Amino acid sequence: MVNFRPVLFVIGLVLSKIALFMYVPTLVAFFTATGGFLDFAQAVVITHIAAFICLSIGRTAHFKLSVRDMFLITSLVWTIASAFAALPFMFINHISFTDAYFETMSGITTTGSTVLSGLDNMAPSILLWRSILQWLGGVGFIVMAVAVLPMLNVGGMKLFQTESSDWSDKSSPRAKTVAKNIVAVYLILTVLCLAGYLLTGMNLFDAINHSFTTLSTGGYSTSDGSMNHFSKGAHWVATLFMFLGGLPFLLFVSALRKRRLDALFRDAQVKGFTFLFLGSSLVVATWLVLRNGYTIADALRVAMFNIVSVVTTTGFGLEDFTAWGALPTTLFAFLMMAGACSGSTSGGIKVFRFQIAMTLLNKQIMKLIHPSGIFVQRYNHRPVNDDIVRSVVAFGLMFFITIIAIAAGLSAMGLDPVTSISGSITAVANVGPGMGDVIGPTGNFAPLPDAAKWLLSLGMLMGRLEILTLLVLFFPAFWRR
């Protein structure tokens, strides 16, 4: 059975941290007198009270978490934290709980889909809160991907098992050290991104917000025009830091510790991601020059920005790529699902799963050629065991089944096929904008019915938690003693 007291205690800890981060926009609202102070103060009090209740009930002398508890905690933390983080949107923007929860889930899962408009005239406090949610969601997912998912053997993540994944008492200090190092790297890159934006002419407020949402590959902006509102220099800064956000943060930690960058470039996953990014960018840039009349410089800038925005599942908008023609649109549809590297802030299937599938395909072909031969499947110079292969296959199967199921549900609600399919893909892959006139790069999710927003919120959560983490809760065997 699940031990609910430790689960409640962890939820209380998370809610207390959410309340503390709410103080930042609360103070911004107070000192700038731009509205929202009392609304944020009210949300802070409610969240603190809920945190206190959970901590009081869940406190126990013998705190021990089983694997079953970890599955439940991972799902409940994101679900419940989103409910309380949605309060400021309800109080300030006067929107329904459905819209507020959708906006919050989109933010904390770093999806970037939005129901809000009029961002240019919105209170700075609420804009900052949106950005903080994505920044927290980004670093939270990295730590989860490095320390929790490998232990749960979710979707082949055991391939990235490290000492930090062992949460026994003996290695807890090691887990904390790795988590602290990841947060330190995350902070350093955020500051560098902030400095880059300031150098391109962004004001301090816009630079802070966009540094939060760029590195977290979230995609929220302070303007309805997204990155179209800013200079070409800002586009290049965004391209660089979206790319860095798509790399494995454990490799950043390793590179800083050894003071050598070659650890990044020797990794098979990084090589695959870089090839995918550069290759796709060259194809689209060439298309834009030959078919749409772009200059080479503009074609490279626009192509690289949009490619890295989609493949890292950031979702920043820069022109409507669906208007470029059939080839780019088809390519972007694939890139929406591809994702970047495991252990990064991005969503999607992840590059390593495609690479594992290719090694499996190669092994199968060699077995057909040499039936009696023995072939060892390797990845990054390490043998890949059958457990990892089964996890990758199971994840891939459930990824597409989830997309199909959500798309079918959206279609049953009366949405057109393009909106239904692209909305499902963008939710499960945590991309942000979909395709079509309604939810495309220049559109918005506000016109969708409430039921569709709840279904897409579920899709965002499933995609962020690697699907199987949430799916296991629906099996009766999970709840049996």
Protein backbone atom coordinates (compact mmCIF):
# COMPACT_ATOMS: atom_id res chain seq x y z
CA MET A 1 0.00 0.00 0.00
CA VAL A 2 1.02 3.61 -0.51
CA ASN A 3 2.27 5.39 2.60
CA PHE A 4 0.24 8.61 2.41
CA ARG A 5 1.83 10.54 5.30
CA PRO A 6 5.24 10.99 3.64
CA VAL A 7 3.45 11.77 0.37
CA LEU A 8 1.49 14.56 2.08
CA PHE A 9 4.66 15.83 3.72
CA VAL A 10 6.48 16.16 0.39
CA ILE A 11 3.46 17.90 -1.15
CA GLY A 12 3.49 20.32 1.79
CA LEU A 13 7.18 21.06 1.23
CA VAL A 14 6.55 21.79 -2.45
CA LEU A 15 3.57 24.05 -1.70
CA SER A 16 5.63 25.97 0.85
CA LYS A 17 8.26 26.62 -1.84
CA ILE A 18 5.57 27.70 -4.31
CA ALA A 19 4.30 30.18 -1.71
CA LEU A 20 7.83 31.54 -1.17
CA PHE A 21 8.32 32.12 -4.90
CA MET A 22 4.96 33.93 -4.96
CA TYR A 23 6.55 36.60 -2.77
CA VAL A 24 8.65 37.79 -5.73
CA PRO A 25 5.75 38.98 -7.94
CA THR A 26 3.94 40.13 -4.78
CA LEU A 27 6.82 42.49 -4.00
CA VAL A 28 7.02 43.59 -7.63
CA ALA A 29 3.31 44.48 -7.53
CA PHE A 30 3.79 46.38 -4.24
CA PHE A 31 6.85 48.45 -5.18
CA THR A 32 5.75 49.22 -8.76
CA ALA A 33 2.12 49.94 -7.78
CA THR A 34 1.01 48.28 -11.02
CA GLY A 35 -1.77 46.19 -9.49
CA GLY A 36 -2.01 42.66 -8.19
CA PHE A 37 -0.49 43.10 -4.72
CA LEU A 38 -3.59 42.12 -2.71
CA ASP A 39 -4.41 39.32 -5.16
CA PHE A 40 -0.94 37.78 -4.85
CA ALA A 41 -0.96 38.29 -1.07
CA GLN A 42 -4.24 36.37 -0.91
CA ALA A 43 -2.79 33.54 -3.02
CA VAL A 44 0.30 33.42 -0.78
CA VAL A 45 -1.79 33.08 2.38
CA ILE A 46 -3.98 30.31 0.92
CA THR A 47 -0.94 28.37 -0.33
CA HIS A 48 0.88 28.74 3.00
CA ILE A 49 -2.17 27.44 4.87
CA ALA A 50 -2.46 24.41 2.58
CA ALA A 51 1.27 23.74 2.95
CA PHE A 52 1.03 23.96 6.76
CA ILE A 53 -1.88 21.48 6.84
CA CYS A 54 -0.05 18.97 4.62
CA LEU A 55 3.17 19.29 6.64
CA SER A 56 1.33 18.88 9.95
CA ILE A 57 -0.60 15.78 8.87
CA GLY A 58 2.30 14.23 6.99
CA ARG A 59 5.04 14.74 9.59
CA THR A 60 6.37 11.40 10.81
CA ALA A 61 9.36 10.20 12.81
CA HIS A 62 10.23 7.47 10.29
CA PHE A 63 10.35 9.06 6.87
CA LYS A 64 10.83 6.44 4.17
CA LEU A 65 9.66 6.47 0.56
CA SER A 66 9.11 3.35 -1.52
CA VAL A 67 9.17 3.21 -5.31
CA ARG A 68 5.35 3.14 -5.23
CA ASP A 69 5.35 6.32 -3.12
CA MET A 70 7.69 8.00 -5.61
CA PHE A 71 5.31 7.30 -8.50
CA LEU A 72 2.43 8.88 -6.59
CA ILE A 73 4.47 11.86 -5.36
CA THR A 74 5.81 12.64 -8.83
CA SER A 75 2.27 12.85 -10.24
CA LEU A 76 0.57 14.56 -7.30
CA VAL A 77 3.22 17.24 -6.84
CA TRP A 78 2.80 18.57 -10.38
CA THR A 79 -1.01 18.28 -10.24
CA ILE A 80 -1.54 19.94 -6.84
CA ALA A 81 1.19 22.57 -7.26
CA SER A 82 -0.49 23.68 -10.51
CA ALA A 83 -3.83 24.11 -8.72
CA PHE A 84 -2.39 26.51 -6.13
CA ALA A 85 -0.08 28.28 -8.59
CA ALA A 86 -3.20 29.01 -10.69
CA LEU A 87 -4.72 31.23 -7.98
CA PRO A 88 -3.02 34.50 -9.08
CA PHE A 89 -4.36 34.06 -12.64
CA MET A 90 -7.90 33.72 -11.27
CA PHE A 91 -7.60 36.68 -8.89
CA ILE A 92 -5.80 39.11 -11.23
CA ASN A 93 -6.92 38.13 -14.73
CA HIS A 94 -10.45 37.19 -13.60
CA ILE A 95 -10.48 34.01 -15.65
CA SER A 96 -12.10 30.68 -14.82
CA PHE A 97 -10.30 28.00 -12.83
CA THR A 98 -10.16 25.91 -16.01
CA ASP A 99 -8.28 28.62 -17.92
CA ALA A 100 -6.07 29.40 -14.92
CA TYR A 101 -5.19 25.73 -14.42
CA PHE A 102 -4.47 25.28 -18.15
CA GLU A 103 -2.17 28.33 -18.12
CA THR A 104 -0.38 27.10 -15.00
CA MET A 105 -0.01 23.51 -16.17
CA SER A 106 1.30 24.81 -19.47
CA GLY A 107 3.78 26.97 -17.58
CA ILE A 108 5.02 24.48 -15.01
CA THR A 109 5.40 21.73 -17.63
CA THR A 110 7.25 24.29 -19.82
CA THR A 111 4.78 23.67 -22.64
CA GLY A 112 4.10 27.33 -23.45
CA SER A 113 0.50 27.07 -24.70
CA THR A 114 -1.53 30.03 -23.48
CA VAL A 115 -5.11 31.22 -23.10
CA LEU A 116 -4.07 34.79 -22.26
CA SER A 117 -3.89 37.72 -24.67
CA GLY A 118 -3.09 41.39 -24.25
CA LEU A 119 0.26 40.53 -22.68
CA ASP A 120 1.77 43.91 -23.64
CA ASN A 121 -0.63 45.68 -21.26
CA MET A 122 -0.79 43.02 -18.54
CA ALA A 123 0.34 43.59 -14.95
CA PRO A 124 4.12 42.99 -14.60
CA SER A 125 3.53 40.80 -11.54
CA ILE A 126 1.47 38.23 -13.45
CA LEU A 127 3.90 38.22 -16.40
CA LEU A 128 6.75 37.56 -13.99
CA TRP A 129 4.77 34.77 -12.29
CA ARG A 130 4.25 33.02 -15.64
CA SER A 131 7.99 33.16 -16.29
CA ILE A 132 8.87 31.95 -12.78
CA LEU A 133 6.56 28.95 -13.23
CA GLN A 134 8.38 27.92 -16.39
CA TRP A 135 11.81 28.48 -14.80
CA LEU A 136 10.84 26.33 -11.79
CA GLY A 137 9.30 23.67 -14.03
CA GLY A 138 12.48 23.48 -16.10
CA VAL A 139 14.89 22.93 -13.23
CA GLY A 140 12.36 20.69 -11.46
CA PHE A 141 12.13 18.41 -14.47
CA ILE A 142 15.92 18.20 -14.85
CA VAL A 143 16.33 17.06 -11.24
CA MET A 144 13.44 14.62 -11.65
CA ALA A 145 14.88 13.23 -14.91
CA VAL A 146 18.29 12.72 -13.31
CA ALA A 147 17.33 11.54 -9.82
CA VAL A 148 13.82 10.06 -9.97
CA LEU A 149 12.89 8.70 -13.40
CA PRO A 150 15.98 6.46 -13.77
CA MET A 151 15.19 4.90 -10.39
CA LEU A 152 11.62 4.23 -11.54
CA ASN A 153 12.94 2.77 -14.82
CA VAL A 154 10.57 4.94 -16.83
CA GLY A 155 10.82 4.97 -20.62
CA GLY A 156 14.42 3.80 -20.83
CA MET A 157 15.65 6.50 -18.43
CA LYS A 158 17.58 3.81 -16.54
CA LEU A 159 20.17 4.24 -19.29
CA PHE A 160 21.15 7.44 -17.49
CA GLN A 161 21.34 5.85 -14.04
CA THR A 162 23.90 7.59 -11.84
CA GLU A 163 24.84 7.36 -8.19
CA SER A 164 22.51 10.30 -7.65
CA SER A 165 19.58 8.10 -8.60
CA ASP A 166 19.97 5.92 -5.51
CA TRP A 167 17.85 7.57 -2.82
CA SER A 168 19.02 5.31 -0.01
CA ASP A 169 20.33 6.91 3.17
CA LYS A 170 23.90 6.05 2.21
CA SER A 171 23.88 8.02 -1.01
CA SER A 172 21.47 10.84 -0.14
CA PRO A 173 24.35 13.33 0.28
CA ARG A 174 25.52 12.38 -3.22
CA ALA A 175 22.02 12.95 -4.64
CA LYS A 176 21.83 16.36 -2.96
CA THR A 177 25.26 17.31 -4.32
CA VAL A 178 24.30 16.45 -7.89
CA ALA A 179 21.01 18.35 -7.54
CA LYS A 180 22.84 21.41 -6.18
CA ASN A 181 25.34 21.28 -9.04
CA ILE A 182 22.53 21.11 -11.60
CA VAL A 183 20.78 24.11 -9.99
CA ALA A 184 24.11 26.02 -9.97
CA VAL A 185 24.61 25.40 -13.70
CA TYR A 186 20.99 26.35 -14.35
CA LEU A 187 21.48 29.64 -12.49
CA ILE A 188 24.74 30.43 -14.30
CA LEU A 189 23.20 29.84 -17.73
CA THR A 190 20.14 31.91 -16.76
CA VAL A 191 22.35 34.85 -15.79
CA LEU A 192 24.36 34.55 -19.02
CA CYS A 193 21.12 34.49 -21.03
CA LEU A 194 19.91 37.56 -19.14
CA ALA A 195 23.15 39.40 -19.95
CA GLY A 196 22.87 38.42 -23.62
CA TYR A 197 19.34 39.81 -23.86
CA LEU A 198 20.37 43.06 -22.18
CA LEU A 199 23.18 43.49 -24.72
CA THR A 200 20.67 43.18 -27.57
CA GLY A 201 18.59 46.10 -26.29
CA MET A 202 15.92 44.39 -24.18
CA ASN A 203 14.89 46.27 -21.05
CA LEU A 204 15.63 44.62 -17.71
CA PHE A 205 12.10 43.32 -17.09
CA ASP A 206 11.78 41.71 -20.52
CA ALA A 207 15.31 40.29 -20.26
CA ILE A 208 14.59 38.67 -16.87
CA ASN A 209 11.34 37.12 -18.08
CA HIS A 210 12.77 35.83 -21.34
CA SER A 211 15.91 34.44 -19.71
CA PHE A 212 13.63 32.40 -17.43
CA THR A 213 11.51 31.08 -20.28
CA THR A 214 14.33 30.56 -22.80
CA LEU A 215 16.62 28.34 -20.74
CA SER A 216 13.65 26.39 -19.37
CA THR A 217 12.54 25.91 -23.01
CA GLY A 218 9.12 27.14 -21.92
CA GLY A 219 8.31 29.85 -24.45
CA TYR A 220 6.18 32.32 -22.47
CA SER A 221 6.76 35.91 -23.54
CA THR A 222 5.85 39.36 -22.24
CA SER A 223 4.36 40.34 -25.61
CA ASP A 224 1.60 38.95 -27.81
CA GLY A 225 4.09 39.20 -30.66
CA SER A 226 6.45 36.83 -28.79
CA MET A 227 10.02 37.20 -30.09
CA ASN A 228 8.84 39.20 -33.13
CA HIS A 229 8.62 42.09 -30.68
CA PHE A 230 12.41 42.13 -30.18
CA SER A 231 15.58 42.66 -32.21
CA LYS A 232 17.36 40.24 -34.50
CA GLY A 233 20.18 40.08 -31.96
CA ALA A 234 17.69 38.82 -29.37
CA HIS A 235 16.67 36.09 -31.81
CA TRP A 236 20.26 34.82 -31.97
CA VAL A 237 20.62 34.92 -28.17
CA ALA A 238 17.36 32.97 -27.85
CA THR A 239 18.56 30.43 -30.43
CA LEU A 240 21.81 29.83 -28.53
CA PHE A 241 20.23 29.41 -25.09
CA MET A 242 17.32 27.32 -26.34
CA PHE A 243 19.96 24.99 -27.82
CA LEU A 244 21.86 24.93 -24.51
CA GLY A 245 18.59 24.23 -22.67
CA GLY A 246 18.17 21.16 -24.87
CA LEU A 247 21.49 19.62 -23.76
CA PRO A 248 21.91 17.20 -20.80
CA PHE A 249 22.63 19.26 -17.70
CA LEU A 250 24.63 16.46 -16.09
CA LEU A 251 27.15 16.90 -18.90
CA PHE A 252 27.35 20.62 -18.11
CA VAL A 253 28.12 19.70 -14.50
CA SER A 254 30.76 17.20 -15.62
CA ALA A 255 32.32 19.71 -18.05
CA LEU A 256 32.54 22.40 -15.36
CA ARG A 257 33.97 20.01 -12.80
CA LYS A 258 36.66 18.81 -15.21
CA ARG A 259 37.01 22.27 -16.80
CA ARG A 260 36.81 20.63 -20.21
CA LEU A 261 34.03 21.04 -22.77
CA ASP A 262 34.85 17.93 -24.77
CA ALA A 263 32.59 15.86 -22.47
CA LEU A 264 29.65 17.61 -24.13
CA PHE A 265 30.71 16.96 -27.70
CA ARG A 266 31.71 13.30 -27.22
CA ASP A 267 28.23 12.29 -26.08
CA ALA A 268 26.21 10.40 -28.71
CA GLN A 269 22.97 12.10 -27.72
CA VAL A 270 24.46 15.59 -28.06
CA LYS A 271 25.91 14.67 -31.46
CA GLY A 272 22.52 13.39 -32.62
CA PHE A 273 20.70 16.48 -31.36
CA THR A 274 23.22 18.83 -32.97
CA PHE A 275 23.00 16.99 -36.30
CA LEU A 276 19.18 17.09 -36.17
CA PHE A 277 19.18 20.83 -35.40
CA LEU A 278 21.79 21.90 -37.97
CA GLY A 279 20.56 19.54 -40.70
CA SER A 280 16.93 20.64 -40.35
CA SER A 281 17.95 24.31 -40.21
CA LEU A 282 19.93 24.05 -43.44
CA VAL A 283 17.03 22.33 -45.22
CA VAL A 284 14.50 24.95 -44.12
CA ALA A 285 16.88 27.88 -44.75
CA THR A 286 17.56 26.64 -48.28
CA TRP A 287 13.81 26.30 -48.86
CA LEU A 288 13.20 29.87 -47.63
CA VAL A 289 15.89 31.27 -49.94
CA LEU A 290 14.81 29.37 -53.04
CA ARG A 291 11.01 29.33 -52.60
CA ASN A 292 10.16 32.32 -50.39
CA GLY A 293 12.77 34.88 -51.45
CA TYR A 294 14.52 35.32 -48.09
CA THR A 295 18.08 36.61 -47.91
CA ILE A 296 20.62 34.02 -46.72
CA ALA A 297 21.15 35.83 -43.38
CA ASP A 298 17.42 36.13 -42.63
CA ALA A 299 16.74 32.58 -43.80
CA LEU A 300 19.38 31.17 -41.42
CA ARG A 301 18.19 33.31 -38.50
CA VAL A 302 14.50 32.50 -38.93
CA ALA A 303 15.08 28.81 -39.76
CA MET A 304 17.48 28.14 -36.87
CA PHE A 305 15.29 30.02 -34.39
CA ASN A 306 12.10 28.17 -35.35
CA ILE A 307 13.80 24.77 -35.63
CA VAL A 308 15.45 24.96 -32.21
CA SER A 309 12.26 26.45 -30.71
CA VAL A 310 10.22 23.46 -31.90
CA VAL A 311 12.76 20.65 -31.41
CA THR A 312 13.54 21.78 -27.84
CA THR A 313 9.76 22.19 -27.33
CA THR A 314 10.22 25.86 -26.35
CA GLY A 315 7.45 27.25 -28.53
CA PHE A 316 8.64 30.84 -28.99
CA GLY A 317 6.92 32.39 -32.00
CA LEU A 318 8.84 33.98 -34.87
CA GLU A 319 6.74 34.12 -38.06
CA ASP A 320 4.11 31.53 -38.96
CA PHE A 321 6.12 28.54 -40.21
CA THR A 322 2.92 26.81 -41.36
CA ALA A 323 2.71 29.42 -44.16
CA TRP A 324 6.12 28.50 -45.62
CA GLY A 325 4.89 25.56 -47.68
CA ALA A 326 4.44 21.78 -47.51
CA LEU A 327 8.04 20.68 -46.83
CA PRO A 328 8.72 22.92 -43.79
CA THR A 329 5.28 22.17 -42.32
CA THR A 330 5.84 18.41 -42.64
CA LEU A 331 9.31 18.70 -41.09
CA PHE A 332 8.01 20.78 -38.19
CA ALA A 333 5.27 18.20 -37.52
CA PHE A 334 8.01 15.59 -36.95
CA LEU A 335 10.24 17.94 -34.95
CA MET A 336 7.34 18.69 -32.59
CA MET A 337 7.53 15.10 -31.37
CA ALA A 338 11.29 14.56 -31.60
CA GLY A 339 12.48 16.54 -28.58
CA ALA A 340 16.08 17.23 -27.59
CA CYS A 341 18.28 15.41 -25.06
CA SER A 342 17.37 13.45 -21.96
CA GLY A 343 18.26 15.33 -18.78
CA SER A 344 17.48 18.66 -20.45
CA THR A 345 14.52 20.99 -19.97
CA SER A 346 12.88 19.92 -23.24
CA GLY A 347 9.96 17.54 -23.77
CA GLY A 348 9.17 15.21 -26.65
CA ILE A 349 10.34 11.67 -27.33
CA LYS A 350 14.04 12.56 -26.84
CA VAL A 351 16.94 11.90 -29.20
CA PHE A 352 18.34 8.94 -27.27
CA ARG A 353 15.18 6.88 -27.86
CA PHE A 354 15.53 7.29 -31.62
CA GLN A 355 19.18 6.29 -31.33
CA ILE A 356 18.34 3.21 -29.25
CA ALA A 357 15.73 2.27 -31.87
CA MET A 358 18.36 2.61 -34.62
CA THR A 359 20.81 0.35 -32.77
CA LEU A 360 17.98 -2.18 -32.34
CA LEU A 361 17.21 -1.97 -36.07
CA ASN A 362 20.88 -2.45 -36.92
CA LYS A 363 21.08 -5.48 -34.62
CA GLN A 364 17.96 -6.98 -36.21
CA ILE A 365 19.33 -6.51 -39.74
CA MET A 366 22.64 -8.10 -38.77
CA LYS A 367 20.74 -11.05 -37.27
CA LEU A 368 18.91 -11.49 -40.60
CA ILE A 369 22.22 -11.50 -42.48
CA HIS A 370 24.03 -13.68 -39.93
CA PRO A 371 21.35 -15.77 -38.12
CA SER A 372 23.86 -17.56 -35.89
CA GLY A 373 25.83 -14.43 -35.03
CA ILE A 374 25.90 -12.78 -31.60
CA PHE A 375 25.61 -9.00 -31.64
CA VAL A 376 25.79 -6.72 -28.63
CA GLN A 377 23.62 -3.61 -28.77
CA ARG A 378 25.65 -0.59 -27.63
CA TYR A 379 24.93 3.06 -26.97
CA ASN A 380 27.58 5.62 -26.02
CA HIS A 381 30.11 2.75 -25.92
CA ARG A 382 28.00 0.96 -23.29
CA PRO A 383 25.95 -2.24 -23.74
CA VAL A 384 22.18 -1.74 -23.74
CA ASN A 385 20.28 -4.40 -21.80
CA ASP A 386 16.84 -5.75 -22.67
CA ASP A 387 15.14 -3.82 -19.85
CA ILE A 388 16.11 -0.52 -21.44
CA VAL A 389 15.00 -1.65 -24.90
CA ARG A 390 11.63 -2.79 -23.53
CA SER A 391 11.18 0.53 -21.70
CA VAL A 392 11.97 2.52 -24.85
CA VAL A 393 9.54 0.43 -26.92
CA ALA A 394 6.82 0.73 -24.27
CA PHE A 395 7.30 4.49 -24.03
CA GLY A 396 7.22 4.94 -27.80
CA LEU A 397 4.03 2.88 -28.09
CA MET A 398 2.28 4.77 -25.27
CA PHE A 399 3.48 8.14 -26.60
CA PHE A 400 1.66 7.62 -29.90
CA ILE A 401 -1.37 5.94 -28.29
CA THR A 402 -1.72 8.95 -25.96
CA ILE A 403 -1.53 11.38 -28.88
CA ILE A 404 -4.15 9.39 -30.82
CA ALA A 405 -6.47 9.12 -27.81
CA ILE A 406 -6.30 12.85 -27.01
CA ALA A 407 -6.72 13.80 -30.68
CA ALA A 408 -9.79 11.55 -30.85
CA GLY A 409 -11.21 13.19 -27.74
CA LEU A 410 -10.66 16.69 -29.16
CA SER A 411 -12.28 15.67 -32.44
CA ALA A 412 -15.30 14.32 -30.53
CA MET A 413 -15.66 17.80 -29.00
CA GLY A 414 -16.10 19.28 -32.47
CA LEU A 415 -12.58 20.57 -33.15
CA ASP A 416 -11.24 20.35 -36.70
CA PRO A 417 -8.67 17.64 -37.58
CA VAL A 418 -5.66 20.02 -37.78
CA THR A 419 -6.43 21.57 -34.39
CA SER A 420 -7.15 18.17 -32.81
CA ILE A 421 -4.04 16.38 -34.07
CA SER A 422 -1.57 19.26 -33.67
CA GLY A 423 -3.07 20.20 -30.30
CA SER A 424 -2.61 16.66 -29.06
CA ILE A 425 0.98 16.51 -30.32
CA THR A 426 1.92 19.90 -28.91
CA ALA A 427 0.45 19.00 -25.49
CA VAL A 428 2.03 15.56 -25.10
CA ALA A 429 5.37 16.75 -26.53
CA ASN A 430 5.21 19.97 -24.42
CA VAL A 431 5.84 22.16 -27.46
CA GLY A 432 3.42 25.09 -27.09
CA PRO A 433 1.81 26.31 -30.29
CA GLY A 434 0.03 23.88 -32.58
CA MET A 435 -0.97 24.29 -36.20
CA GLY A 436 -3.95 25.85 -37.95
CA ASP A 437 -5.79 29.13 -37.56
CA VAL A 438 -6.90 28.56 -33.95
CA ILE A 439 -3.85 27.29 -32.03
CA GLY A 440 -1.11 27.94 -34.60
CA PRO A 441 2.02 30.06 -33.91
CA THR A 442 -0.08 33.23 -34.15
CA GLY A 443 -3.14 31.76 -32.39
CA ASN A 444 -4.31 31.05 -28.85
CA PHE A 445 -5.96 28.22 -26.89
CA ALA A 446 -8.65 30.43 -25.34
CA PRO A 447 -11.38 29.58 -27.94
CA LEU A 448 -11.23 25.86 -27.11
CA PRO A 449 -14.02 24.40 -24.93
CA ASP A 450 -13.27 23.78 -21.24
CA ALA A 451 -13.29 20.00 -21.68
CA ALA A 452 -10.61 20.32 -24.36
CA LYS A 453 -8.43 22.41 -22.02
CA TRP A 454 -8.68 19.78 -19.27
CA LEU A 455 -7.84 17.02 -21.72
CA LEU A 456 -4.85 18.99 -23.04
CA SER A 457 -3.74 19.71 -19.45
CA LEU A 458 -3.70 15.96 -18.83
CA GLY A 459 -1.70 15.51 -22.04
CA MET A 460 0.84 18.13 -20.93
CA LEU A 461 1.28 16.42 -17.57
CA MET A 462 1.64 12.97 -19.13
CA GLY A 463 4.23 14.26 -21.58
CA ARG A 464 6.25 15.99 -18.88
CA LEU A 465 6.22 12.92 -16.61
CA GLU A 466 7.26 10.59 -19.46
CA ILE A 467 3.70 9.14 -19.69
CA LEU A 468 4.38 5.84 -17.88
CA THR A 469 4.89 7.59 -14.53
CA LEU A 470 1.29 8.79 -14.59
CA LEU A 471 -0.17 5.82 -16.47
CA VAL A 472 0.93 3.31 -13.80
CA LEU A 473 -1.44 4.97 -11.30
CA PHE A 474 -4.43 3.79 -13.33
CA PHE A 475 -3.57 0.10 -12.93
CA PRO A 476 -5.37 -1.67 -10.04
CA ALA A 477 -2.18 -3.59 -9.22
CA PHE A 478 -0.53 -0.32 -8.16
CA TRP A 479 -3.00 0.11 -5.30
CA ARG A 480 -2.95 -3.49 -4.07
CA ARG A 481 -1.00 -4.46 -0.99
